[in-house]
Amino acid sequence: MQVFDHQPAAGRPVAQALPGQDLAVAVVCARFNAQACEELLVACLAELAELGVPQAGTTVVRVPGALEIPLALQVLAQTRRPDAMIALGAVIRGETYHFELVSNEMGAGITQVQLDTGIPIANGVLTTEDDAQTHARTRGKGRDCAQAAVEMARLLAALRAPA
């Protein structure tokens, strides 16, 4: 039986279980809701460094807002072919239907790019009710996305390797 599971064992540091030394990772970060996006990005980049992803192997692309993220991811996938990608942003509910539109279309776009390209994408675009919820989640979500991206890159490499 073959088992493919790159999840860190209990008590084992994530960086040891998810080595990123030879990975290329692209991060697409929205500028809208700038403070939250910057917190997400800082936490994500710090965790990528902790996991050993080389700074030279990390590409950061800034886009105006969440709806522009999928297109930037698609172009990165087509041109740079990173091992994994990360989408970062914050969509905070307002008084109009716009929140649902942006959240749904952005999420569907990210999923479509991932499936079309075969490159894993960690979706770190927060969809929250207010600023307090957003800021309570930024650092944890940024770290989680870095870990998910490295884990999925490793998992897909293992699955694609000749048996």
Foldseek 3Di string as FASTA:
>chain_A
DDDQDLDDDPPDDLLVSQAQQPFAEEEEFACVVPVLRVLLQVLQVVLLVSNNNDPVRYHYHYDHALLCVLVVLLVCCVPVVTLAYEYAAEQEDDDDPVLVVSVVNSVVSQVVSCVVRVHYYQYHYHYYHDPVVSVVCRNVSSNVRNSVNSSVSVSVVVVPDDD
